[in-house]
Amino acid sequence: MQTVLVLITFSLAVGFLLKKFVWDPIFESTRKTISTVDGERTKCGNKDCGCH
């Protein structure tokens, strides 16, 4: 019974590490980022809308 719990815990840990260090960096680079006027401090987009 303890072996099963250890294998489940190990699998969860490996899955977490793969997601954090392999999966997310691969798909983070494919996301398109929108630059803003004031150095990305607001969410208004890339045109000066006068909201800040």
Protein backbone atom coordinates (compact mmCIF):
# COMPACT_ATOMS: atom_id res chain seq x y z
CA MET A 1 0.00 0.00 0.00
CA GLN A 2 2.81 2.42 0.81
CA THR A 3 4.45 1.73 -2.52
CA VAL A 4 1.30 2.83 -4.34
CA LEU A 5 1.18 6.09 -2.37
CA VAL A 6 4.86 6.75 -3.08
CA LEU A 7 4.34 6.14 -6.81
CA ILE A 8 1.34 8.47 -6.89
CA THR A 9 3.25 11.20 -5.06
CA PHE A 10 6.28 10.76 -7.32
CA SER A 11 4.08 10.92 -10.43
CA LEU A 12 2.42 14.11 -9.25
CA ALA A 13 5.80 15.70 -8.51
CA VAL A 14 7.22 14.76 -11.91
CA GLY A 15 4.07 16.02 -13.62
CA PHE A 16 4.31 19.34 -11.79
CA LEU A 17 7.97 19.79 -12.72
CA LEU A 18 7.32 18.93 -16.37
CA LYS A 19 4.45 21.40 -16.55
CA LYS A 20 6.43 24.16 -14.86
CA PHE A 21 9.73 23.82 -16.70
CA VAL A 22 8.82 22.21 -20.04
CA TRP A 23 5.16 22.71 -20.98
CA ASP A 24 4.68 26.35 -19.93
CA PRO A 25 7.89 27.75 -21.50
CA ILE A 26 7.08 26.09 -24.83
CA PHE A 27 3.62 27.58 -25.07
CA GLU A 28 4.47 30.87 -23.37
CA SER A 29 6.67 31.86 -26.28
CA THR A 30 3.84 31.29 -28.76
CA ARG A 31 1.45 33.64 -26.95
CA LYS A 32 1.20 37.05 -28.52
CA THR A 33 1.87 39.97 -26.22
CA ILE A 34 0.47 43.43 -26.77
CA SER A 35 2.81 46.25 -25.88
CA THR A 36 1.32 49.33 -24.26
CA VAL A 37 2.21 52.99 -24.43
CA ASP A 38 3.46 53.35 -20.86
CA GLY A 39 5.69 50.29 -20.65
CA GLU A 40 2.97 47.73 -20.01
CA ARG A 41 1.70 49.28 -16.79
CA THR A 42 -1.84 49.59 -18.19
CA LYS A 43 -4.01 47.24 -20.17
CA CYS A 44 -5.20 49.73 -22.78
CA GLY A 45 -3.38 48.36 -25.76
CA ASN A 46 -0.80 49.82 -28.09
CA LYS A 47 -2.63 53.07 -28.99
CA ASP A 48 -2.80 56.12 -26.75
CA CYS A 49 -6.44 56.14 -25.70
CA GLY A 50 -6.01 58.90 -23.11
CA CYS A 51 -7.15 56.73 -20.23
CA HIS A 52 -4.02 57.25 -18.16
